[in-house]
Structure formats: structure tokens, C-alpha cells
Amino acid sequence: MATAEPKKLRYRLLHAAARITRGGRRLRLRIAATWPWGHELINAFTRLAALPRPAT
């Protein structure tokens, strides 16, 4: 995924077997365990969430 082009990333994100669920006032993206790129998407979202928020 590190060398993926934007078209490939967009395809994988939009065609993920996932559901958006709500619980405890939070939204969650539940990615199917059998999806081929599931672990890569989870790692990408985890890295995005770890970024510091911009100072305002």
C-alpha cells in the first residue's frame, strides 16, 4: 500500500466489505475479517488516528 497510486487506494477504500456502526456515541467502521485488504486498511486508519491534531 505504501507505493499504491491514488486510483488503487480509492478503489480499495470504496470497495471494502465494511459497515459503519454506532455505539457509545461513537462511529465505528467494521471491516470484514475475510476481506483481502482488511489489515492494511485497519493499519492505515490507526496511523491516521495517531497523528497529532493541528493547533488552532
N, C-alpha and C. Protein backbone atom coordinates (compact mmCIF):
# COMPACT_ATOMS: atom_id res chain seq x y z
N MET A 1 0.81 -1.19 0.00
CA MET A 1 0.00 0.00 0.00
C MET A 1 0.86 1.26 0.00
N ALA A 2 2.10 1.17 0.44
CA ALA A 2 2.95 2.35 0.52
C ALA A 2 3.25 2.90 -0.88
N THR A 3 3.27 2.04 -1.88
CA THR A 3 3.59 2.50 -3.23
C THR A 3 2.34 2.58 -4.10
N ALA A 4 1.17 2.46 -3.51
CA ALA A 4 -0.08 2.45 -4.28
C ALA A 4 -0.37 3.83 -4.86
N GLU A 5 -0.90 3.83 -6.05
CA GLU A 5 -1.32 5.05 -6.71
C GLU A 5 -2.67 5.48 -6.15
N PRO A 6 -3.06 6.75 -6.30
CA PRO A 6 -4.35 7.21 -5.78
C PRO A 6 -5.54 6.40 -6.31
N LYS A 7 -5.49 5.98 -7.56
CA LYS A 7 -6.60 5.22 -8.13
C LYS A 7 -6.77 3.88 -7.40
N LYS A 8 -5.66 3.23 -7.09
CA LYS A 8 -5.69 1.95 -6.39
C LYS A 8 -6.20 2.12 -4.95
N LEU A 9 -5.73 3.16 -4.27
CA LEU A 9 -6.20 3.43 -2.92
C LEU A 9 -7.69 3.71 -2.89
N ARG A 10 -8.16 4.53 -3.81
CA ARG A 10 -9.58 4.88 -3.88
C ARG A 10 -10.42 3.63 -4.13
N TYR A 11 -9.95 2.75 -5.02
CA TYR A 11 -10.67 1.53 -5.33
C TYR A 11 -10.80 0.66 -4.08
N ARG A 12 -9.70 0.49 -3.37
CA ARG A 12 -9.71 -0.38 -2.19
C ARG A 12 -10.55 0.19 -1.06
N LEU A 13 -10.53 1.51 -0.89
CA LEU A 13 -11.34 2.11 0.16
C LEU A 13 -12.83 2.04 -0.16
N LEU A 14 -13.19 2.31 -1.39
CA LEU A 14 -14.61 2.35 -1.76
C LEU A 14 -15.22 0.97 -1.93
N HIS A 15 -14.40 -0.04 -2.13
CA HIS A 15 -14.91 -1.40 -2.33
C HIS A 15 -14.65 -2.31 -1.13
N ALA A 16 -14.42 -1.73 0.01
CA ALA A 16 -14.17 -2.52 1.21
C ALA A 16 -15.47 -3.12 1.72
N ALA A 17 -15.40 -4.37 2.16
CA ALA A 17 -16.56 -5.02 2.77
C ALA A 17 -16.62 -4.57 4.22
N ALA A 18 -17.35 -3.50 4.48
CA ALA A 18 -17.39 -2.93 5.82
C ALA A 18 -18.76 -2.33 6.10
N ARG A 19 -19.02 -2.13 7.39
CA ARG A 19 -20.24 -1.47 7.82
C ARG A 19 -19.88 -0.36 8.79
N ILE A 20 -20.65 0.71 8.76
CA ILE A 20 -20.49 1.78 9.73
C ILE A 20 -21.52 1.52 10.82
N THR A 21 -21.05 1.39 12.07
CA THR A 21 -21.94 1.12 13.19
C THR A 21 -21.83 2.24 14.20
N ARG A 22 -22.84 2.36 15.03
CA ARG A 22 -22.89 3.40 16.04
C ARG A 22 -23.06 2.74 17.40
N GLY A 23 -22.34 3.24 18.38
CA GLY A 23 -22.48 2.72 19.73
C GLY A 23 -21.64 3.53 20.70
N GLY A 24 -22.20 3.86 21.82
CA GLY A 24 -21.45 4.64 22.80
C GLY A 24 -21.06 6.00 22.29
N ARG A 25 -21.94 6.61 21.51
CA ARG A 25 -21.71 7.94 20.91
C ARG A 25 -20.51 7.99 19.98
N ARG A 26 -20.13 6.86 19.43
CA ARG A 26 -19.01 6.80 18.51
C ARG A 26 -19.43 6.09 17.24
N LEU A 27 -18.81 6.47 16.14
CA LEU A 27 -18.99 5.76 14.88
C LEU A 27 -17.81 4.81 14.70
N ARG A 28 -18.11 3.62 14.26
CA ARG A 28 -17.05 2.63 14.03
C ARG A 28 -17.18 2.07 12.64
N LEU A 29 -16.06 1.79 12.05
CA LEU A 29 -16.02 1.13 10.74
C LEU A 29 -15.65 -0.32 10.99
N ARG A 30 -16.58 -1.22 10.74
CA ARG A 30 -16.34 -2.64 10.97
C ARG A 30 -15.99 -3.29 9.64
N ILE A 31 -14.74 -3.65 9.50
CA ILE A 31 -14.23 -4.26 8.27
C ILE A 31 -14.28 -5.77 8.43
N ALA A 32 -14.78 -6.45 7.41
CA ALA A 32 -14.90 -7.91 7.45
C ALA A 32 -13.51 -8.55 7.62
N ALA A 33 -13.44 -9.56 8.46
CA ALA A 33 -12.15 -10.22 8.75
C ALA A 33 -11.61 -10.96 7.54
N THR A 34 -12.47 -11.36 6.62
CA THR A 34 -12.02 -12.13 5.46
C THR A 34 -11.67 -11.24 4.27
N TRP A 35 -11.80 -9.93 4.40
CA TRP A 35 -11.51 -9.04 3.29
C TRP A 35 -10.00 -9.02 3.03
N PRO A 36 -9.57 -9.18 1.77
CA PRO A 36 -8.13 -9.29 1.48
C PRO A 36 -7.27 -8.12 1.96
N TRP A 37 -7.81 -6.91 1.94
CA TRP A 37 -7.02 -5.73 2.32
C TRP A 37 -7.45 -5.19 3.67
N GLY A 38 -8.15 -5.98 4.44
CA GLY A 38 -8.66 -5.52 5.73
C GLY A 38 -7.59 -5.06 6.68
N HIS A 39 -6.53 -5.85 6.83
CA HIS A 39 -5.46 -5.50 7.77
C HIS A 39 -4.74 -4.23 7.31
N GLU A 40 -4.57 -4.06 6.02
CA GLU A 40 -3.89 -2.86 5.52
C GLU A 40 -4.74 -1.62 5.79
N LEU A 41 -6.06 -1.73 5.60
CA LEU A 41 -6.94 -0.60 5.87
C LEU A 41 -6.98 -0.26 7.36
N ILE A 42 -7.00 -1.28 8.20
CA ILE A 42 -7.00 -1.04 9.65
C ILE A 42 -5.71 -0.34 10.06
N ASN A 43 -4.59 -0.79 9.53
CA ASN A 43 -3.31 -0.15 9.84
C ASN A 43 -3.29 1.30 9.37
N ALA A 44 -3.84 1.57 8.20
CA ALA A 44 -3.87 2.94 7.67
C ALA A 44 -4.73 3.84 8.56
N PHE A 45 -5.90 3.37 8.98
CA PHE A 45 -6.76 4.18 9.84
C PHE A 45 -6.15 4.37 11.21
N THR A 46 -5.44 3.38 11.72
CA THR A 46 -4.77 3.51 13.01
C THR A 46 -3.67 4.56 12.94
N ARG A 47 -2.92 4.56 11.85
CA ARG A 47 -1.85 5.56 11.70
C ARG A 47 -2.42 6.96 11.54
N LEU A 48 -3.55 7.08 10.85
CA LEU A 48 -4.19 8.40 10.71
C LEU A 48 -4.70 8.90 12.05
N ALA A 49 -5.28 8.01 12.85
CA ALA A 49 -5.81 8.41 14.14
C ALA A 49 -4.69 8.82 15.11
N ALA A 50 -3.48 8.29 14.91
CA ALA A 50 -2.36 8.59 15.80
C ALA A 50 -1.71 9.94 15.49
N LEU A 51 -2.02 10.54 14.36
CA LEU A 51 -1.43 11.83 14.03
C LEU A 51 -1.91 12.90 15.01
N PRO A 52 -1.05 13.82 15.40
CA PRO A 52 -1.49 14.87 16.30
C PRO A 52 -2.44 15.84 15.60
N ARG A 53 -3.38 16.33 16.35
CA ARG A 53 -4.34 17.30 15.80
C ARG A 53 -3.64 18.63 15.59
N PRO A 54 -3.99 19.35 14.52
CA PRO A 54 -3.35 20.64 14.27
C PRO A 54 -3.74 21.66 15.35
N ALA A 55 -2.79 22.49 15.72
CA ALA A 55 -3.04 23.53 16.71
C ALA A 55 -3.82 24.67 16.07
N THR A 56 -4.79 25.17 16.79
CA THR A 56 -5.59 26.29 16.26
C THR A 56 -5.38 27.54 17.06
